[in-house]
PDB file of N, CA and C in Angstrom:
ATOM      1  N   MET A   1       8.379  -2.461 -41.444  1.00  0.00           N
ATOM      2  CA  MET A   1       9.714  -2.375 -41.946  1.00  0.00           C
ATOM      3  C   MET A   1       9.761  -2.064 -43.388  1.00  0.00           C
ATOM      4  N   LEU A   2      10.619  -1.392 -43.768  1.00  0.00           N
ATOM      5  CA  LEU A   2      10.713  -0.947 -45.247  1.00  0.00           C
ATOM      6  C   LEU A   2      11.612  -2.114 -46.007  1.00  0.00           C
ATOM      7  N   THR A   3      11.025  -2.308 -47.221  1.00  0.00           N
ATOM      8  CA  THR A   3      11.856  -3.354 -47.989  1.00  0.00           C
ATOM      9  C   THR A   3      13.056  -2.768 -48.509  1.00  0.00           C
ATOM     10  N   ALA A   4      13.878  -3.639 -49.036  1.00  0.00           N
ATOM     11  CA  ALA A   4      15.200  -3.128 -49.706  1.00  0.00           C
ATOM     12  C   ALA A   4      15.047  -2.040 -50.656  1.00  0.00           C
ATOM     13  N   ASN A   5      13.993  -2.127 -51.665  1.00  0.00           N
ATOM     14  CA  ASN A   5      13.792  -1.158 -52.750  1.00  0.00           C
ATOM     15  C   ASN A   5      13.216   0.179 -52.008  1.00  0.00           C
ATOM     16  N   GLN A   6      12.396   0.081 -51.151  1.00  0.00           N
ATOM     17  CA  GLN A   6      12.014   1.224 -50.299  1.00  0.00           C
ATOM     18  C   GLN A   6      13.210   1.922 -49.664  1.00  0.00           C
ATOM     19  N   ARG A   7      14.111   1.205 -49.017  1.00  0.00           N
ATOM     20  CA  ARG A   7      15.405   1.872 -48.315  1.00  0.00           C
ATOM     21  C   ARG A   7      16.025   2.578 -49.439  1.00  0.00           C
ATOM     22  N   LYS A   8      16.187   1.826 -50.619  1.00  0.00           N
ATOM     23  CA  LYS A   8      17.081   2.508 -51.736  1.00  0.00           C
ATOM     24  C   LYS A   8      16.278   3.847 -52.206  1.00  0.00           C
ATOM     25  N   ALA A   9      14.960   3.778 -52.361  1.00  0.00           N
ATOM     26  CA  ALA A   9      14.245   4.858 -52.846  1.00  0.00           C
ATOM     27  C   ALA A   9      14.336   6.010 -51.707  1.00  0.00           C
ATOM     28  N   LEU A  10      14.213   5.606 -50.387  1.00  0.00           N
ATOM     29  CA  LEU A  10      14.291   6.717 -49.387  1.00  0.00           C
ATOM     30  C   LEU A  10      15.634   7.560 -49.461  1.00  0.00           C
ATOM     31  N   ALA A  11      16.660   6.669 -49.580  1.00  0.00           N
ATOM     32  CA  ALA A  11      17.967   7.297 -49.668  1.00  0.00           C
ATOM     33  C   ALA A  11      18.151   8.073 -50.835  1.00  0.00           C
ATOM     34  N   ALA A  12      17.508   7.534 -51.999  1.00  0.00           N
ATOM     35  CA  ALA A  12      17.610   8.500 -53.206  1.00  0.00           C
ATOM     36  C   ALA A  12      16.764   9.713 -53.198  1.00  0.00           C
ATOM     37  N   LEU A  13      15.731   9.673 -52.554  1.00  0.00           N
ATOM     38  CA  LEU A  13      14.757  10.965 -52.483  1.00  0.00           C
ATOM     39  C   LEU A  13      15.487  11.883 -51.550  1.00  0.00           C
ATOM     40  N   LEU A  14      16.198  11.485 -50.553  1.00  0.00           N
ATOM     41  CA  LEU A  14      16.611  12.323 -49.540  1.00  0.00           C
ATOM     42  C   LEU A  14      18.010  13.015 -50.101  1.00  0.00           C
ATOM     43  N   ALA A  15      18.624  12.321 -51.111  1.00  0.00           N
ATOM     44  CA  ALA A  15      19.901  12.880 -51.642  1.00  0.00           C
ATOM     45  C   ALA A  15      19.771  13.638 -53.028  1.00  0.00           C
ATOM     46  N   SER A  16      18.491  13.347 -53.603  1.00  0.00           N
ATOM     47  CA  SER A  16      18.215  14.010 -55.069  1.00  0.00           C
ATOM     48  C   SER A  16      17.457  15.254 -54.857  1.00  0.00           C
ATOM     49  N   LYS A  17      17.646  15.869 -55.897  1.00  0.00           N
ATOM     50  CA  LYS A  17      16.874  17.268 -56.065  1.00  0.00           C
ATOM     51  C   LYS A  17      15.462  17.029 -56.560  1.00  0.00           C
ATOM     52  N   SER A  18      15.255  15.981 -57.314  1.00  0.00           N
ATOM     53  CA  SER A  18      13.892  15.766 -57.809  1.00  0.00           C
ATOM     54  C   SER A  18      13.537  14.284 -57.767  1.00  0.00           C
ATOM     55  N   ARG A  19      12.246  13.890 -57.812  1.00  0.00           N
ATOM     56  CA  ARG A  19      11.779  12.508 -57.881  1.00  0.00           C
ATOM     57  C   ARG A  19      12.165  11.876 -59.113  1.00  0.00           C
ATOM     58  N   VAL A  20      12.346  12.629 -60.239  1.00  0.00           N
ATOM     59  CA  VAL A  20      12.810  12.069 -61.455  1.00  0.00           C
ATOM     60  C   VAL A  20      14.308  11.629 -61.247  1.00  0.00           C
ATOM     61  N   ASP A  21      15.202  12.509 -60.593  1.00  0.00           N
ATOM     62  CA  ASP A  21      16.629  12.165 -60.323  1.00  0.00           C
ATOM     63  C   ASP A  21      16.807  11.017 -59.302  1.00  0.00           C
ATOM     64  N   ALA A  22      15.845  10.945 -58.332  1.00  0.00           N
ATOM     65  CA  ALA A  22      15.802   9.961 -57.427  1.00  0.00           C
ATOM     66  C   ALA A  22      15.430   8.580 -58.041  1.00  0.00           C
ATOM     67  N   ALA A  23      14.360   8.435 -58.838  1.00  0.00           N
ATOM     68  CA  ALA A  23      14.238   7.304 -59.646  1.00  0.00           C
ATOM     69  C   ALA A  23      15.285   6.965 -60.453  1.00  0.00           C
ATOM     70  N   ARG A  24      15.917   7.642 -61.155  1.00  0.00           N
ATOM     71  CA  ARG A  24      17.155   7.273 -61.916  1.00  0.00           C
ATOM     72  C   ARG A  24      18.322   6.653 -60.961  1.00  0.00           C
ATOM     73  N   VAL A  25      18.490   7.346 -59.833  1.00  0.00           N
ATOM     74  CA  VAL A  25      19.666   6.903 -58.878  1.00  0.00           C
ATOM     75  C   VAL A  25      19.195   5.478 -58.320  1.00  0.00           C
ATOM     76  N   CYS A  26      17.913   5.375 -57.920  1.00  0.00           N
ATOM     77  CA  CYS A  26      17.740   4.053 -57.373  1.00  0.00           C
ATOM     78  C   CYS A  26      17.210   2.962 -58.358  1.00  0.00           C
ATOM     79  N   GLY A  27      16.969   3.313 -59.559  1.00  0.00           N
ATOM     80  CA  GLY A  27      16.564   2.217 -60.489  1.00  0.00           C
ATOM     81  C   GLY A  27      15.148   1.814 -60.436  1.00  0.00           C
ATOM     82  N   LEU A  28      14.287   2.669 -59.920  1.00  0.00           N
ATOM     83  CA  LEU A  28      12.875   2.478 -59.855  1.00  0.00           C
ATOM     84  C   LEU A  28      12.173   3.549 -60.662  1.00  0.00           C
ATOM     85  N   SER A  29      10.837   3.404 -61.053  1.00  0.00           N
ATOM     86  CA  SER A  29      10.170   4.363 -61.740  1.00  0.00           C
ATOM     87  C   SER A  29       9.507   5.409 -60.744  1.00  0.00           C
ATOM     88  N   THR A  30       9.334   6.593 -61.278  1.00  0.00           N
ATOM     89  CA  THR A  30       8.742   7.768 -60.600  1.00  0.00           C
ATOM     90  C   THR A  30       7.323   7.394 -60.162  1.00  0.00           C
ATOM     91  N   LYS A  31       6.730   6.362 -60.730  1.00  0.00           N
ATOM     92  CA  LYS A  31       5.386   5.972 -60.267  1.00  0.00           C
ATOM     93  C   LYS A  31       5.505   5.209 -59.200  1.00  0.00           C
ATOM     94  N   THR A  32       6.401   4.332 -59.087  1.00  0.00           N
ATOM     95  CA  THR A  32       6.695   3.497 -57.976  1.00  0.00           C
ATOM     96  C   THR A  32       7.187   4.344 -56.737  1.00  0.00           C
ATOM     97  N   LEU A  33       7.927   5.262 -56.925  1.00  0.00           N
ATOM     98  CA  LEU A  33       8.234   6.266 -55.792  1.00  0.00           C
ATOM     99  C   LEU A  33       7.142   6.994 -55.392  1.00  0.00           C
ATOM    100  N   GLN A  34       6.232   7.381 -56.037  1.00  0.00           N
ATOM    101  CA  GLN A  34       4.956   8.037 -55.827  1.00  0.00           C
ATOM    102  C   GLN A  34       4.189   7.122 -54.944  1.00  0.00           C
ATOM    103  N   GLY A  35       4.096   5.814 -55.343  1.00  0.00           N
ATOM    104  CA  GLY A  35       3.365   4.821 -54.606  1.00  0.00           C
ATOM    105  C   GLY A  35       4.032   4.578 -53.216  1.00  0.00           C
ATOM    106  N   TYR A  36       5.290   4.634 -53.156  1.00  0.00           N
ATOM    107  CA  TYR A  36       5.802   4.405 -51.748  1.00  0.00           C
ATOM    108  C   TYR A  36       5.527   5.715 -50.904  1.00  0.00           C
ATOM    109  N   GLU A  37       5.587   6.797 -51.535  1.00  0.00           N
ATOM    110  CA  GLU A  37       5.354   8.213 -50.788  1.00  0.00           C
ATOM    111  C   GLU A  37       4.014   8.101 -50.027  1.00  0.00           C
ATOM    112  N   LYS A  38       3.017   7.343 -50.649  1.00  0.00           N
ATOM    113  CA  LYS A  38       1.602   7.240 -50.031  1.00  0.00           C
ATOM    114  C   LYS A  38       1.496   6.319 -48.865  1.00  0.00           C
ATOM    115  N   LEU A  39       2.537   5.309 -48.835  1.00  0.00           N
ATOM    116  CA  LEU A  39       2.471   4.456 -47.714  1.00  0.00           C
ATOM    117  C   LEU A  39       2.981   5.132 -46.302  1.00  0.00           C
ATOM    118  N   PRO A  40       2.099   4.974 -45.186  1.00  0.00           N
ATOM    119  CA  PRO A  40       2.357   5.644 -44.149  1.00  0.00           C
ATOM    120  C   PRO A  40       3.767   5.518 -43.492  1.00  0.00           C
ATOM    121  N   GLU A  41       4.190   4.383 -43.479  1.00  0.00           N
ATOM    122  CA  GLU A  41       5.588   3.997 -42.860  1.00  0.00           C
ATOM    123  C   GLU A  41       6.629   4.706 -43.738  1.00  0.00           C
ATOM    124  N   PHE A  42       6.521   4.645 -45.147  1.00  0.00           N
ATOM    125  CA  PHE A  42       7.456   5.291 -45.839  1.00  0.00           C
ATOM    126  C   PHE A  42       7.484   6.670 -45.903  1.00  0.00           C
ATOM    127  N   ALA A  43       6.182   7.323 -45.828  1.00  0.00           N
ATOM    128  CA  ALA A  43       6.087   8.823 -45.704  1.00  0.00           C
ATOM    129  C   ALA A  43       6.672   9.244 -44.465  1.00  0.00           C
ATOM    130  N   GLU A  44       6.548   8.520 -43.296  1.00  0.00           N
ATOM    131  CA  GLU A  44       6.932   8.959 -42.098  1.00  0.00           C
ATOM    132  C   GLU A  44       8.515   8.952 -42.006  1.00  0.00           C
ATOM    133  N   ALA A  45       9.178   7.861 -42.695  1.00  0.00           N
ATOM    134  CA  ALA A  45      10.559   7.832 -42.641  1.00  0.00           C
ATOM    135  C   ALA A  45      11.109   8.914 -43.607  1.00  0.00           C
ATOM    136  N   LEU A  46      10.466   9.219 -44.653  1.00  0.00           N
ATOM    137  CA  LEU A  46      10.806  10.314 -45.550  1.00  0.00           C
ATOM    138  C   LEU A  46      10.827  11.664 -44.811  1.00  0.00           C
ATOM    139  N   GLU A  47       9.664  11.969 -44.271  1.00  0.00           N
ATOM    140  CA  GLU A  47       9.605  13.149 -43.428  1.00  0.00           C
ATOM    141  C   GLU A  47      10.759  13.343 -42.311  1.00  0.00           C
ATOM    142  N   LYS A  48      10.995  12.249 -41.630  1.00  0.00           N
ATOM    143  CA  LYS A  48      11.917  12.203 -40.635  1.00  0.00           C
ATOM    144  C   LYS A  48      13.321  12.505 -41.209  1.00  0.00           C
ATOM    145  N   GLY A  49      13.646  11.937 -42.360  1.00  0.00           N
ATOM    146  CA  GLY A  49      14.883  12.175 -42.942  1.00  0.00           C
ATOM    147  C   GLY A  49      14.970  13.568 -43.449  1.00  0.00           C
ATOM    148  N   ARG A  50      13.826  13.989 -43.872  1.00  0.00           N
ATOM    149  CA  ARG A  50      14.013  15.510 -44.289  1.00  0.00           C
ATOM    150  C   ARG A  50      14.101  16.536 -43.100  1.00  0.00           C
ATOM    151  N   ARG A  51      13.449  16.118 -41.994  1.00  0.00           N
ATOM    152  CA  ARG A  51      13.609  17.088 -40.726  1.00  0.00           C
ATOM    153  C   ARG A  51      15.143  16.880 -40.395  1.00  0.00           C
ATOM    154  N   GLU A  52      15.830  15.750 -40.485  1.00  0.00           N
ATOM    155  CA  GLU A  52      16.969  15.549 -39.739  1.00  0.00           C
ATOM    156  C   GLU A  52      17.947  16.188 -40.814  1.00  0.00           C
ATOM    157  N   ALA A  53      17.724  16.247 -41.995  1.00  0.00           N
ATOM    158  CA  ALA A  53      18.707  17.064 -42.982  1.00  0.00           C
ATOM    159  C   ALA A  53      18.587  18.482 -42.706  1.00  0.00           C
ATOM    160  N   LEU A  54      17.371  18.919 -42.563  1.00  0.00           N
ATOM    161  CA  LEU A  54      17.198  20.427 -42.350  1.00  0.00           C
ATOM    162  C   LEU A  54      17.891  20.658 -40.988  1.00  0.00           C
ATOM    163  N   ALA A  55      17.652  19.984 -39.783  1.00  0.00           N
ATOM    164  CA  ALA A  55      18.363  20.113 -38.656  1.00  0.00           C
ATOM    165  C   ALA A  55      19.848  20.347 -38.781  1.00  0.00           C
ATOM    166  N   ASP A  56      20.357  19.394 -39.442  1.00  0.00           N
ATOM    167  CA  ASP A  56      21.738  19.202 -39.752  1.00  0.00           C
ATOM    168  C   ASP A  56      22.362  20.489 -40.340  1.00  0.00           C
ATOM    169  N   ALA A  57      21.661  20.846 -41.418  1.00  0.00           N
ATOM    170  CA  ALA A  57      22.064  22.103 -42.189  1.00  0.00           C
ATOM    171  C   ALA A  57      21.974  23.359 -41.328  1.00  0.00           C
ATOM    172  N   ALA A  58      20.912  23.451 -40.544  1.00  0.00           N
ATOM    173  CA  ALA A  58      20.837  24.573 -39.618  1.00  0.00           C
ATOM    174  C   ALA A  58      21.882  24.557 -38.531  1.00  0.00           C
ATOM    175  N   HIS A  59      22.300  23.402 -38.080  1.00  0.00           N
ATOM    176  CA  HIS A  59      23.272  23.275 -37.105  1.00  0.00           C
ATOM    177  C   HIS A  59      24.656  23.755 -37.772  1.00  0.00           C
ATOM    178  N   ARG A  60      24.912  23.257 -38.974  1.00  0.00           N
ATOM    179  CA  ARG A  60      26.168  23.646 -39.788  1.00  0.00           C
ATOM    180  C   ARG A  60      26.334  25.179 -39.972  1.00  0.00           C
ATOM    181  N   LEU A  61      25.059  25.783 -40.298  1.00  0.00           N
ATOM    182  CA  LEU A  61      25.177  27.089 -40.440  1.00  0.00           C
ATOM    183  C   LEU A  61      25.522  27.954 -39.092  1.00  0.00           C
ATOM    184  N   GLN A  62      24.909  27.498 -38.127  1.00  0.00           N
ATOM    185  CA  GLN A  62      25.174  28.057 -36.681  1.00  0.00           C
ATOM    186  C   GLN A  62      26.640  27.919 -36.502  1.00  0.00           C
ATOM    187  N   GLU A  63      27.302  26.837 -36.698  1.00  0.00           N
ATOM    188  CA  GLU A  63      28.620  26.652 -36.541  1.00  0.00           C
ATOM    189  C   GLU A  63      29.515  27.620 -37.336  1.00  0.00           C
ATOM    190  N   MET A  64      28.945  27.973 -38.452  1.00  0.00           N
ATOM    191  CA  MET A  64      29.685  28.886 -39.488  1.00  0.00           C
ATOM    192  C   MET A  64      29.526  30.506 -38.967  1.00  0.00           C
ATOM    193  N   ARG A  65      28.543  30.726 -38.174  1.00  0.00           N
ATOM    194  CA  ARG A  65      28.255  31.967 -37.933  1.00  0.00           C
ATOM    195  C   ARG A  65      29.375  32.858 -37.349  1.00  0.00           C
ATOM    196  N   PRO A  66      30.088  32.226 -36.421  1.00  0.00           N
ATOM    197  CA  PRO A  66      31.339  33.221 -35.956  1.00  0.00           C
ATOM    198  C   PRO A  66      32.348  33.569 -37.100  1.00  0.00           C
ATOM    199  N   LEU A  67      32.341  32.740 -38.048  1.00  0.00           N
ATOM    200  CA  LEU A  67      33.251  33.013 -39.108  1.00  0.00           C
ATOM    201  C   LEU A  67      32.747  34.105 -40.096  1.00  0.00           C
ATOM    202  N   LEU A  68      31.529  34.277 -40.067  1.00  0.00           N
ATOM    203  CA  LEU A  68      30.830  35.511 -40.870  1.00  0.00           C
ATOM    204  C   LEU A  68      30.858  36.822 -40.290  1.00  0.00           C
ATOM    205  N   ASN A  69      31.077  36.765 -38.985  1.00  0.00           N
ATOM    206  CA  ASN A  69      31.041  38.201 -38.215  1.00  0.00           C
ATOM    207  C   ASN A  69      32.463  38.692 -38.371  1.00  0.00           C
TER     208      ASN A  69
END
């Protein structure tokens, strides 16, 4: 189970353009975020979040397709 800081870091990494921005958003250092990313549970959650975000974006693009034709 992720800690409160890890959950904040995860949300920040998923919403930010860079690790530096994510660190700023969640109030943790980039070194801490790098350390979290090496933890299997955190890395899995991050990858799952990224896959879900990509799938969501693809779905939204498919919904827009009729508007582009």
